[in-house]
Amino acid sequence: MDEKLQKVLARFGLGSRRLMEEWIAAGRVVVNGQIAKLGDRVTAQDKIAVDGETLRIPSWVRPRLRVLRYHKPAGELTTRNDPAGRPTVFDRLPRLRGSRWIAVGRLDYNTEGLLLLTNDGDLANALMHPRAGIEREYAVRVLGEVSPEQQVRLLQGVVLEDGEAHFVTLQEAGGEGANRWYHVTLAEGRNREVRRLFEAVGLTVSRLIRVRYGVVEMPRLLKTGYFDELPDEERDALLASVQWVNPATPPSDSVERVTAPLPDARKNNSRREARQTPSRGRPGQGRRTVRD
């Protein structure tokens, strides 16, 4: 059985299918010693190299589709390598044979919460594409209270440096003293968009936690720095939200479940993070709100 070369490379985790087409057109991909061209198809017996590095993929033609959700703590980067040596979300994840994890969107260094990861580049691209219109929900702690006039502006639209933006919904969620919690949703994923929207109306975000990505929510018991694999019903609902069909998806009784704790190197910080993380419910909801 053969498949299009760009599809195989995307599933391996190198990038979206369109990006892989650009790499092939640029001559960066070699198949069996020959520079590949657009339209090439490959099988499991072919030898593929990208930028001179051979891809060792024992069963890459139809790998099992996997989707993880990770409870990202503040202080981690959504990148594979950091020149400064700071921790990244990929430090926690299990190793894959024949593919690698791809983050579905990004959370900035100081943002916490739900981060989805998959081993399929095409799926990651579909979930991030603006055309999909997938909602992201955040719990936001703001210094001060959002006035009715500010709420109207945030919902109707605020001009940012990269164009107009607005929240789909904005709901109060309690709080005490100078801090107030709000739940907001967006239908796109621009860089630091939540923080920039509040800054545009004169408010400062002191804490930001993503609690939902599309149909996938952050479980109450998933601790900071831990991950789990999506149950079958949640995975299928996520795929359906972008009309995704993957013939390699296994039957429900064959899906491996995996969870992982913080590495030993982070144990010294685990108690501090635990105090900052709600043990039940979502931040900013009544008595379950985090207290500073």
C-alpha atoms as a PDB file:
ATOM      1  CA  MET A   1       0.000   0.000   0.000  1.00  0.00           C
ATOM      2  CA  ASP A   2       1.385   3.424  -0.928  1.00  0.00           C
ATOM      3  CA  GLU A   3       0.540   6.961   0.124  1.00  0.00           C
ATOM      4  CA  LYS A   4       1.396  10.483  -0.962  1.00  0.00           C
ATOM      5  CA  LEU A   5       4.808  11.496   0.300  1.00  0.00           C
ATOM      6  CA  GLN A   6       3.643  14.792   1.816  1.00  0.00           C
ATOM      7  CA  LYS A   7       0.939  12.987   3.776  1.00  0.00           C
ATOM      8  CA  VAL A   8       3.443  10.554   5.264  1.00  0.00           C
ATOM      9  CA  LEU A   9       5.824  13.370   6.232  1.00  0.00           C
ATOM     10  CA  ALA A  10       3.010  15.355   7.844  1.00  0.00           C
ATOM     11  CA  ARG A  11       1.885  12.353   9.840  1.00  0.00           C
ATOM     12  CA  PHE A  12       5.457  11.830  10.975  1.00  0.00           C
ATOM     13  CA  GLY A  13       5.154  15.220  12.639  1.00  0.00           C
ATOM     14  CA  LEU A  14       7.365  17.453  10.536  1.00  0.00           C
ATOM     15  CA  GLY A  15       4.584  19.923   9.781  1.00  0.00           C
ATOM     16  CA  SER A  16       1.381  20.411   7.852  1.00  0.00           C
ATOM     17  CA  ARG A  17       0.806  18.712   4.495  1.00  0.00           C
ATOM     18  CA  ARG A  18       1.096  22.056   2.696  1.00  0.00           C
ATOM     19  CA  LEU A  19       4.442  22.779   4.349  1.00  0.00           C
ATOM     20  CA  MET A  20       5.689  19.327   3.344  1.00  0.00           C
ATOM     21  CA  GLU A  21       4.717  20.065  -0.256  1.00  0.00           C
ATOM     22  CA  GLU A  22       6.888  23.195  -0.062  1.00  0.00           C
ATOM     23  CA  TRP A  23       9.790  21.145   1.289  1.00  0.00           C
ATOM     24  CA  ILE A  24       9.435  18.610  -1.521  1.00  0.00           C
ATOM     25  CA  ALA A  25       9.292  21.365  -4.161  1.00  0.00           C
ATOM     26  CA  ALA A  26      12.426  22.902  -2.630  1.00  0.00           C
ATOM     27  CA  GLY A  27      14.334  19.614  -3.024  1.00  0.00           C
ATOM     28  CA  ARG A  28      14.739  18.974   0.685  1.00  0.00           C
ATOM     29  CA  VAL A  29      13.294  15.437   0.547  1.00  0.00           C
ATOM     30  CA  VAL A  30      15.042  12.397  -0.924  1.00  0.00           C
ATOM     31  CA  VAL A  31      13.412   9.008  -1.542  1.00  0.00           C
ATOM     32  CA  ASN A  32      15.644   5.993  -2.230  1.00  0.00           C
ATOM     33  CA  GLY A  33      18.555   8.257  -3.075  1.00  0.00           C
ATOM     34  CA  GLN A  34      16.599  10.413  -5.545  1.00  0.00           C
ATOM     35  CA  ILE A  35      15.313  13.943  -4.963  1.00  0.00           C
ATOM     36  CA  ALA A  36      11.558  13.650  -4.490  1.00  0.00           C
ATOM     37  CA  LYS A  37       9.019  15.575  -6.517  1.00  0.00           C
ATOM     38  CA  LEU A  38       5.413  16.560  -5.933  1.00  0.00           C
ATOM     39  CA  GLY A  39       3.095  13.672  -6.676  1.00  0.00           C
ATOM     40  CA  ASP A  40       5.491  10.950  -5.485  1.00  0.00           C
ATOM     41  CA  ARG A  41       3.970   8.104  -3.526  1.00  0.00           C
ATOM     42  CA  VAL A  42       5.865   5.907  -1.081  1.00  0.00           C
ATOM     43  CA  THR A  43       5.497   2.595   0.727  1.00  0.00           C
ATOM     44  CA  ALA A  44       6.873   1.202   3.977  1.00  0.00           C
ATOM     45  CA  GLN A  45       9.854  -0.211   2.049  1.00  0.00           C
ATOM     46  CA  ASP A  46      11.046   3.181   0.749  1.00  0.00           C
ATOM     47  CA  LYS A  47      13.908   5.057   2.402  1.00  0.00           C
ATOM     48  CA  ILE A  48      13.119   8.714   3.079  1.00  0.00           C
ATOM     49  CA  ALA A  49      15.549  11.459   4.079  1.00  0.00           C
ATOM     50  CA  VAL A  50      14.883  15.118   4.887  1.00  0.00           C
ATOM     51  CA  ASP A  51      17.748  17.614   4.751  1.00  0.00           C
ATOM     52  CA  GLY A  52      20.164  14.694   4.601  1.00  0.00           C
ATOM     53  CA  GLU A  53      18.804  12.971   7.707  1.00  0.00           C
ATOM     54  CA  THR A  54      17.210   9.563   7.241  1.00  0.00           C
ATOM     55  CA  LEU A  55      13.793   9.139   8.840  1.00  0.00           C
ATOM     56  CA  ARG A  56      13.635   5.895  10.756  1.00  0.00           C
ATOM     57  CA  ILE A  57       9.951   5.067  10.698  1.00  0.00           C
ATOM     58  CA  PRO A  58       9.295   1.322  11.169  1.00  0.00           C
ATOM     59  CA  SER A  59       5.536   1.481  10.532  1.00  0.00           C
ATOM     60  CA  TRP A  60       4.852   5.005   9.344  1.00  0.00           C
ATOM     61  CA  VAL A  61       2.368   4.276   6.557  1.00  0.00           C
ATOM     62  CA  ARG A  62      -0.604   4.084   8.939  1.00  0.00           C
ATOM     63  CA  PRO A  63       0.467   4.765  12.535  1.00  0.00           C
ATOM     64  CA  ARG A  64      -2.126   4.707  15.285  1.00  0.00           C
ATOM     65  CA  LEU A  65      -3.651   8.128  15.742  1.00  0.00           C
ATOM     66  CA  ARG A  66      -3.035   9.433  19.239  1.00  0.00           C
ATOM     67  CA  VAL A  67      -4.204  12.588  21.019  1.00  0.00           C
ATOM     68  CA  LEU A  68      -2.934  13.635  24.454  1.00  0.00           C
ATOM     69  CA  ARG A  69      -4.111  16.412  26.705  1.00  0.00           C
ATOM     70  CA  TYR A  70      -1.519  17.985  28.935  1.00  0.00           C
ATOM     71  CA  HIS A  71      -2.041  20.270  31.927  1.00  0.00           C
ATOM     72  CA  LYS A  72       0.675  22.793  31.186  1.00  0.00           C
ATOM     73  CA  PRO A  73       2.069  24.719  34.152  1.00  0.00           C
ATOM     74  CA  ALA A  74       3.295  28.295  33.919  1.00  0.00           C
ATOM     75  CA  GLY A  75       7.011  28.394  33.259  1.00  0.00           C
ATOM     76  CA  GLU A  76       7.147  25.954  30.342  1.00  0.00           C
ATOM     77  CA  LEU A  77       7.603  26.712  26.650  1.00  0.00           C
ATOM     78  CA  THR A  78       5.548  25.185  23.850  1.00  0.00           C
ATOM     79  CA  THR A  79       8.626  24.491  21.757  1.00  0.00           C
ATOM     80  CA  ARG A  80      10.996  21.583  21.247  1.00  0.00           C
ATOM     81  CA  ASN A  81      14.254  23.332  22.082  1.00  0.00           C
ATOM     82  CA  ASP A  82      15.096  26.456  24.006  1.00  0.00           C
ATOM     83  CA  PRO A  83      18.586  27.991  23.710  1.00  0.00           C
ATOM     84  CA  ALA A  84      18.312  29.153  27.326  1.00  0.00           C
ATOM     85  CA  GLY A  85      17.629  25.611  28.526  1.00  0.00           C
ATOM     86  CA  ARG A  86      14.210  26.359  29.985  1.00  0.00           C
ATOM     87  CA  PRO A  87      11.762  23.435  30.367  1.00  0.00           C
ATOM     88  CA  THR A  88       9.394  22.662  27.510  1.00  0.00           C
ATOM     89  CA  VAL A  89       6.113  20.776  27.348  1.00  0.00           C
ATOM     90  CA  PHE A  90       7.822  18.033  25.328  1.00  0.00           C
ATOM     91  CA  ASP A  91      10.109  17.147  28.245  1.00  0.00           C
ATOM     92  CA  ARG A  92       7.198  15.312  29.894  1.00  0.00           C
ATOM     93  CA  LEU A  93       5.813  13.279  27.022  1.00  0.00           C
ATOM     94  CA  PRO A  94       6.363   9.583  26.244  1.00  0.00           C
ATOM     95  CA  ARG A  95       8.641   8.790  23.348  1.00  0.00           C
ATOM     96  CA  LEU A  96       7.043   7.703  20.108  1.00  0.00           C
ATOM     97  CA  ARG A  97       8.383   5.207  17.595  1.00  0.00           C
ATOM     98  CA  GLY A  98       8.025   6.338  14.026  1.00  0.00           C
ATOM     99  CA  SER A  99       6.516   9.770  14.723  1.00  0.00           C
ATOM    100  CA  ARG A 100       6.651  12.639  17.181  1.00  0.00           C
ATOM    101  CA  TRP A 101       4.296  14.814  19.210  1.00  0.00           C
ATOM    102  CA  ILE A 102       2.918  17.994  17.670  1.00  0.00           C
ATOM    103  CA  ALA A 103       1.334  20.699  19.817  1.00  0.00           C
ATOM    104  CA  VAL A 104      -2.108  21.855  18.698  1.00  0.00           C
ATOM    105  CA  GLY A 105      -1.515  25.587  18.998  1.00  0.00           C
ATOM    106  CA  ARG A 106       0.595  27.183  21.704  1.00  0.00           C
ATOM    107  CA  LEU A 107       0.315  28.457  25.235  1.00  0.00           C
ATOM    108  CA  ASP A 108       2.787  31.177  26.127  1.00  0.00           C
ATOM    109  CA  TYR A 109       5.353  30.863  28.897  1.00  0.00           C
ATOM    110  CA  ASN A 110       3.143  32.312  31.646  1.00  0.00           C
ATOM    111  CA  THR A 111      -0.123  30.672  30.568  1.00  0.00           C
ATOM    112  CA  GLU A 112      -1.372  27.464  32.167  1.00  0.00           C
ATOM    113  CA  GLY A 113      -3.959  24.871  31.284  1.00  0.00           C
ATOM    114  CA  LEU A 114      -5.086  22.550  28.541  1.00  0.00           C
ATOM    115  CA  LEU A 115      -2.713  21.778  25.686  1.00  0.00           C
ATOM    116  CA  LEU A 116      -3.588  19.125  23.109  1.00  0.00           C
ATOM    117  CA  LEU A 117      -0.877  17.138  21.355  1.00  0.00           C
ATOM    118  CA  THR A 118      -1.129  14.581  18.556  1.00  0.00           C
ATOM    119  CA  ASN A 119       1.186  12.449  16.451  1.00  0.00           C
ATOM    120  CA  ASP A 120      -0.567  13.486  13.210  1.00  0.00           C
ATOM    121  CA  GLY A 121       0.538  16.722  11.550  1.00  0.00           C
ATOM    122  CA  ASP A 122      -2.540  16.929   9.336  1.00  0.00           C
ATOM    123  CA  LEU A 123      -4.880  16.646  12.293  1.00  0.00           C
ATOM    124  CA  ALA A 124      -2.945  19.286  14.252  1.00  0.00           C
ATOM    125  CA  ASN A 125      -3.142  21.640  11.286  1.00  0.00           C
ATOM    126  CA  ALA A 126      -6.885  21.040  10.867  1.00  0.00           C
ATOM    127  CA  LEU A 127      -7.539  21.762  14.545  1.00  0.00           C
ATOM    128  CA  MET A 128      -5.561  25.017  14.406  1.00  0.00           C
ATOM    129  CA  HIS A 129      -6.869  26.302  11.079  1.00  0.00           C
ATOM    130  CA  PRO A 130      -9.012  29.460  11.443  1.00  0.00           C
ATOM    131  CA  ARG A 131     -11.546  27.960   9.054  1.00  0.00           C
ATOM    132  CA  ALA A 132     -12.411  25.321  11.657  1.00  0.00           C
ATOM    133  CA  GLY A 133     -13.554  28.046  14.073  1.00  0.00           C
ATOM    134  CA  ILE A 134     -12.791  25.880  17.114  1.00  0.00           C
ATOM    135  CA  GLU A 135     -13.525  27.655  20.392  1.00  0.00           C
ATOM    136  CA  ARG A 136     -10.889  28.062  23.073  1.00  0.00           C
ATOM    137  CA  GLU A 137     -12.141  28.795  26.582  1.00  0.00           C
ATOM    138  CA  TYR A 138     -10.020  30.503  29.224  1.00  0.00           C
ATOM    139  CA  ALA A 139     -10.336  31.292  32.907  1.00  0.00           C
ATOM    140  CA  VAL A 140      -8.901  34.783  33.328  1.00  0.00           C
ATOM    141  CA  ARG A 141      -7.977  36.573  36.535  1.00  0.00           C
ATOM    142  CA  VAL A 142      -7.999  40.336  36.056  1.00  0.00           C
ATOM    143  CA  LEU A 143      -6.732  43.112  38.307  1.00  0.00           C
ATOM    144  CA  GLY A 144      -9.869  45.156  38.755  1.00  0.00           C
ATOM    145  CA  GLU A 145     -13.392  44.707  37.472  1.00  0.00           C
ATOM    146  CA  VAL A 146     -14.517  44.763  33.859  1.00  0.00           C
ATOM    147  CA  SER A 147     -17.025  47.600  33.477  1.00  0.00           C
ATOM    148  CA  PRO A 148     -20.157  47.231  31.308  1.00  0.00           C
ATOM    149  CA  GLU A 149     -18.582  49.554  28.734  1.00  0.00           C
ATOM    150  CA  GLN A 150     -15.413  47.445  28.625  1.00  0.00           C
ATOM    151  CA  GLN A 151     -17.474  44.270  28.258  1.00  0.00           C
ATOM    152  CA  VAL A 152     -19.257  45.741  25.248  1.00  0.00           C
ATOM    153  CA  ARG A 153     -15.960  46.637  23.599  1.00  0.00           C
ATOM    154  CA  LEU A 154     -14.446  43.221  24.267  1.00  0.00           C
ATOM    155  CA  LEU A 155     -17.460  41.472  22.732  1.00  0.00           C
ATOM    156  CA  GLN A 156     -18.004  43.808  19.799  1.00  0.00           C
ATOM    157  CA  GLY A 157     -14.397  44.157  18.751  1.00  0.00           C
ATOM    158  CA  VAL A 158     -11.106  45.836  19.664  1.00  0.00           C
ATOM    159  CA  VAL A 159      -8.455  46.866  17.146  1.00  0.00           C
ATOM    160  CA  LEU A 160      -5.109  45.178  17.871  1.00  0.00           C
ATOM    161  CA  GLU A 161      -1.837  45.526  15.971  1.00  0.00           C
ATOM    162  CA  ASP A 162      -2.687  42.440  13.874  1.00  0.00           C
ATOM    163  CA  GLY A 163      -6.310  43.367  13.213  1.00  0.00           C
ATOM    164  CA  GLU A 164      -9.639  43.487  14.997  1.00  0.00           C
ATOM    165  CA  ALA A 165     -10.409  40.840  17.601  1.00  0.00           C
ATOM    166  CA  HIS A 166     -13.171  40.075  20.078  1.00  0.00           C
ATOM    167  CA  PHE A 167     -14.354  37.487  22.559  1.00  0.00           C
ATOM    168  CA  VAL A 168     -17.227  35.213  21.535  1.00  0.00           C
ATOM    169  CA  THR A 169     -18.451  35.130  25.150  1.00  0.00           C
ATOM    170  CA  LEU A 170     -17.435  36.852  28.393  1.00  0.00           C
ATOM    171  CA  GLN A 171     -18.894  35.753  31.739  1.00  0.00           C
ATOM    172  CA  GLU A 172     -18.166  36.828  35.295  1.00  0.00           C
ATOM    173  CA  ALA A 173     -16.918  34.029  37.559  1.00  0.00           C
ATOM    174  CA  GLY A 174     -16.449  35.588  40.983  1.00  0.00           C
ATOM    175  CA  GLY A 175     -13.413  36.768  42.900  1.00  0.00           C
ATOM    176  CA  GLU A 176     -12.473  38.790  45.956  1.00  0.00           C
ATOM    177  CA  GLY A 177     -10.510  41.960  46.664  1.00  0.00           C
ATOM    178  CA  ALA A 178      -8.691  43.479  43.689  1.00  0.00           C
ATOM    179  CA  ASN A 179      -8.937  40.307  41.605  1.00  0.00           C
ATOM    180  CA  ARG A 180     -11.886  39.196  39.491  1.00  0.00           C
ATOM    181  CA  TRP A 181     -12.277  35.980  37.502  1.00  0.00           C
ATOM    182  CA  TYR A 182     -13.898  35.801  34.072  1.00  0.00           C
ATOM    183  CA  HIS A 183     -14.484  33.026  31.563  1.00  0.00           C
ATOM    184  CA  VAL A 184     -13.953  34.006  27.939  1.00  0.00           C
ATOM    185  CA  THR A 185     -14.057  32.142  24.638  1.00  0.00           C
ATOM    186  CA  LEU A 186     -12.275  32.789  21.355  1.00  0.00           C
ATOM    187  CA  ALA A 187     -12.767  31.211  17.942  1.00  0.00           C
ATOM    188  CA  GLU A 188      -9.127  31.651  16.909  1.00  0.00           C
ATOM    189  CA  GLY A 189      -5.658  31.348  18.385  1.00  0.00           C
ATOM    190  CA  ARG A 190      -3.579  34.471  17.794  1.00  0.00           C
ATOM    191  CA  ASN A 191      -0.461  35.113  19.843  1.00  0.00           C
ATOM    192  CA  ARG A 192      -1.300  36.346  23.385  1.00  0.00           C
ATOM    193  CA  GLU A 193      -4.747  37.351  22.174  1.00  0.00           C
ATOM    194  CA  VAL A 194      -6.550  37.132  25.525  1.00  0.00           C
ATOM    195  CA  ARG A 195      -3.961  39.251  27.316  1.00  0.00           C
ATOM    196  CA  ARG A 196      -3.821  41.799  24.496  1.00  0.00           C
ATOM    197  CA  LEU A 197      -7.606  42.188  24.371  1.00  0.00           C
ATOM    198  CA  PHE A 198      -7.785  43.013  28.078  1.00  0.00           C
ATOM    199  CA  GLU A 199      -4.778  45.324  27.805  1.00  0.00           C
ATOM    200  CA  ALA A 200      -6.526  47.160  24.962  1.00  0.00           C
ATOM    201  CA  VAL A 201      -9.322  48.218  27.353  1.00  0.00           C
ATOM    202  CA  GLY A 202      -6.928  49.144  30.171  1.00  0.00           C
ATOM    203  CA  LEU A 203      -6.980  45.918  32.228  1.00  0.00           C
ATOM    204  CA  THR A 204      -4.129  43.617  33.288  1.00  0.00           C
ATOM    205  CA  VAL A 205      -4.383  39.812  33.280  1.00  0.00           C
ATOM    206  CA  SER A 206      -2.682  38.392  36.374  1.00  0.00           C
ATOM    207  CA  ARG A 207      -3.404  34.734  35.619  1.00  0.00           C
ATOM    208  CA  LEU A 208      -4.567  32.875  32.517  1.00  0.00           C
ATOM    209  CA  ILE A 209      -5.656  29.239  32.285  1.00  0.00           C
ATOM    210  CA  ARG A 210      -7.049  27.491  29.223  1.00  0.00           C
ATOM    211  CA  VAL A 211      -9.824  25.147  30.343  1.00  0.00           C
ATOM    212  CA  ARG A 212     -11.269  23.955  27.010  1.00  0.00           C
ATOM    213  CA  TYR A 213     -10.222  23.433  23.418  1.00  0.00           C
ATOM    214  CA  GLY A 214     -13.234  22.716  21.235  1.00  0.00           C
ATOM    215  CA  VAL A 215     -15.100  19.751  22.689  1.00  0.00           C
ATOM    216  CA  VAL A 216     -12.200  18.741  24.962  1.00  0.00           C
ATOM    217  CA  GLU A 217     -12.201  20.050  28.543  1.00  0.00           C
ATOM    218  CA  MET A 218      -9.602  19.948  31.266  1.00  0.00           C
ATOM    219  CA  PRO A 219     -10.513  17.140  33.701  1.00  0.00           C
ATOM    220  CA  ARG A 220     -10.895  18.120  37.342  1.00  0.00           C
ATOM    221  CA  LEU A 221      -8.364  15.555  38.519  1.00  0.00           C
ATOM    222  CA  LEU A 222      -5.651  16.137  35.917  1.00  0.00           C
ATOM    223  CA  LYS A 223      -2.888  17.777  37.959  1.00  0.00           C
ATOM    224  CA  THR A 224      -0.435  20.384  36.738  1.00  0.00           C
ATOM    225  CA  GLY A 225       2.405  18.749  34.808  1.00  0.00           C
ATOM    226  CA  TYR A 226       0.426  15.568  34.085  1.00  0.00           C
ATOM    227  CA  PHE A 227      -1.118  14.291  30.859  1.00  0.00           C
ATOM    228  CA  ASP A 228      -3.531  11.598  29.762  1.00  0.00           C
ATOM    229  CA  GLU A 229      -4.698  10.117  26.478  1.00  0.00           C
ATOM    230  CA  LEU A 230      -8.160  11.118  25.311  1.00  0.00           C
ATOM    231  CA  PRO A 231     -10.855   8.484  25.925  1.00  0.00           C
ATOM    232  CA  ASP A 232     -12.407   7.098  22.749  1.00  0.00           C
ATOM    233  CA  GLU A 233     -15.588   9.146  22.951  1.00  0.00           C
ATOM    234  CA  GLU A 234     -13.712  12.429  23.414  1.00  0.00           C
ATOM    235  CA  ARG A 235     -11.220  11.619  20.667  1.00  0.00           C
ATOM    236  CA  ASP A 236     -14.013  10.713  18.252  1.00  0.00           C
ATOM    237  CA  ALA A 237     -15.914  13.905  19.108  1.00  0.00           C
ATOM    238  CA  LEU A 238     -12.758  15.957  18.515  1.00  0.00           C
ATOM    239  CA  LEU A 239     -12.198  14.324  15.123  1.00  0.00           C
ATOM    240  CA  ALA A 240     -15.835  14.863  14.206  1.00  0.00           C
ATOM    241  CA  SER A 241     -15.514  18.565  15.025  1.00  0.00           C
ATOM    242  CA  VAL A 242     -13.167  18.941  12.042  1.00  0.00           C
ATOM    243  CA  GLN A 243     -14.811  16.113  10.047  1.00  0.00           C
ATOM    244  CA  TRP A 244     -11.613  14.115  10.384  1.00  0.00           C
ATOM    245  CA  VAL A 245     -11.472  10.515   9.179  1.00  0.00           C
ATOM    246  CA  ASN A 246      -8.428   8.387   9.972  1.00  0.00           C
ATOM    247  CA  PRO A 247      -8.601   4.762   8.809  1.00  0.00           C
ATOM    248  CA  ALA A 248      -5.748   3.866  11.140  1.00  0.00           C
ATOM    249  CA  THR A 249      -7.732   4.742  14.272  1.00  0.00           C
ATOM    250  CA  PRO A 250      -7.979   1.460  16.187  1.00  0.00           C
ATOM    251  CA  PRO A 251     -11.096  -0.007  17.761  1.00  0.00           C
ATOM    252  CA  SER A 252     -11.801   1.270  21.253  1.00  0.00           C
ATOM    253  CA  ASP A 253     -10.557  -1.822  23.056  1.00  0.00           C
ATOM    254  CA  SER A 254      -7.054  -1.454  21.582  1.00  0.00           C
ATOM    255  CA  VAL A 255      -6.307   2.144  22.572  1.00  0.00           C
ATOM    256  CA  GLU A 256      -3.486   2.379  25.081  1.00  0.00           C
ATOM    257  CA  ARG A 257      -4.048   4.575  28.117  1.00  0.00           C
ATOM    258  CA  VAL A 258      -1.117   6.509  29.519  1.00  0.00           C
ATOM    259  CA  THR A 259      -0.571   9.014  32.292  1.00  0.00           C
ATOM    260  CA  ALA A 260       2.674  10.413  33.608  1.00  0.00           C
ATOM    261  CA  PRO A 261       3.778  12.380  36.682  1.00  0.00           C
ATOM    262  CA  LEU A 262       6.232  15.223  36.957  1.00  0.00           C
ATOM    263  CA  PRO A 263       9.878  14.174  36.480  1.00  0.00           C
ATOM    264  CA  ASP A 264      12.049  14.022  39.578  1.00  0.00           C
ATOM    265  CA  ALA A 265      13.816  17.211  38.542  1.00  0.00           C
ATOM    266  CA  ARG A 266      10.644  19.192  39.079  1.00  0.00           C
ATOM    267  CA  LYS A 267       9.612  17.698  42.421  1.00  0.00           C
ATOM    268  CA  ASN A 268      10.913  20.709  44.308  1.00  0.00           C
ATOM    269  CA  ASN A 269       8.401  22.882  42.485  1.00  0.00           C
ATOM    270  CA  SER A 270       5.461  20.495  42.623  1.00  0.00           C
ATOM    271  CA  ARG A 271       4.157  21.692  45.994  1.00  0.00           C
ATOM    272  CA  ARG A 272       4.166  25.324  44.923  1.00  0.00           C
ATOM    273  CA  GLU A 273       2.363  24.446  41.661  1.00  0.00           C
ATOM    274  CA  ALA A 274      -0.152  22.339  43.500  1.00  0.00           C
ATOM    275  CA  ARG A 275      -1.079  25.288  45.700  1.00  0.00           C
ATOM    276  CA  GLN A 276      -1.662  27.383  42.601  1.00  0.00           C
ATOM    277  CA  THR A 277      -3.828  24.807  40.837  1.00  0.00           C
ATOM    278  CA  PRO A 278      -7.549  24.362  41.618  1.00  0.00           C
ATOM    279  CA  SER A 279      -8.209  20.880  42.970  1.00  0.00           C
ATOM    280  CA  ARG A 280     -11.779  20.801  41.728  1.00  0.00           C
ATOM    281  CA  GLY A 281     -13.834  22.614  39.187  1.00  0.00           C
ATOM    282  CA  ARG A 282     -12.671  25.546  37.137  1.00  0.00           C
ATOM    283  CA  PRO A 283     -10.854  28.608  38.441  1.00  0.00           C
ATOM    284  CA  GLY A 284     -13.123  31.485  39.244  1.00  0.00           C
ATOM    285  CA  GLN A 285     -16.232  29.489  40.094  1.00  0.00           C
ATOM    286  CA  GLY A 286     -17.592  30.344  43.544  1.00  0.00           C
ATOM    287  CA  ARG A 287     -15.865  28.678  46.487  1.00  0.00           C
ATOM    288  CA  ARG A 288     -13.640  26.695  44.188  1.00  0.00           C
ATOM    289  CA  THR A 289     -11.758  29.801  43.059  1.00  0.00           C
ATOM    290  CA  VAL A 290      -8.014  29.794  43.699  1.00  0.00           C
ATOM    291  CA  ARG A 291      -7.018  32.036  46.576  1.00  0.00           C
ATOM    292  CA  ASP A 292      -3.756  33.938  46.417  1.00  0.00           C
END
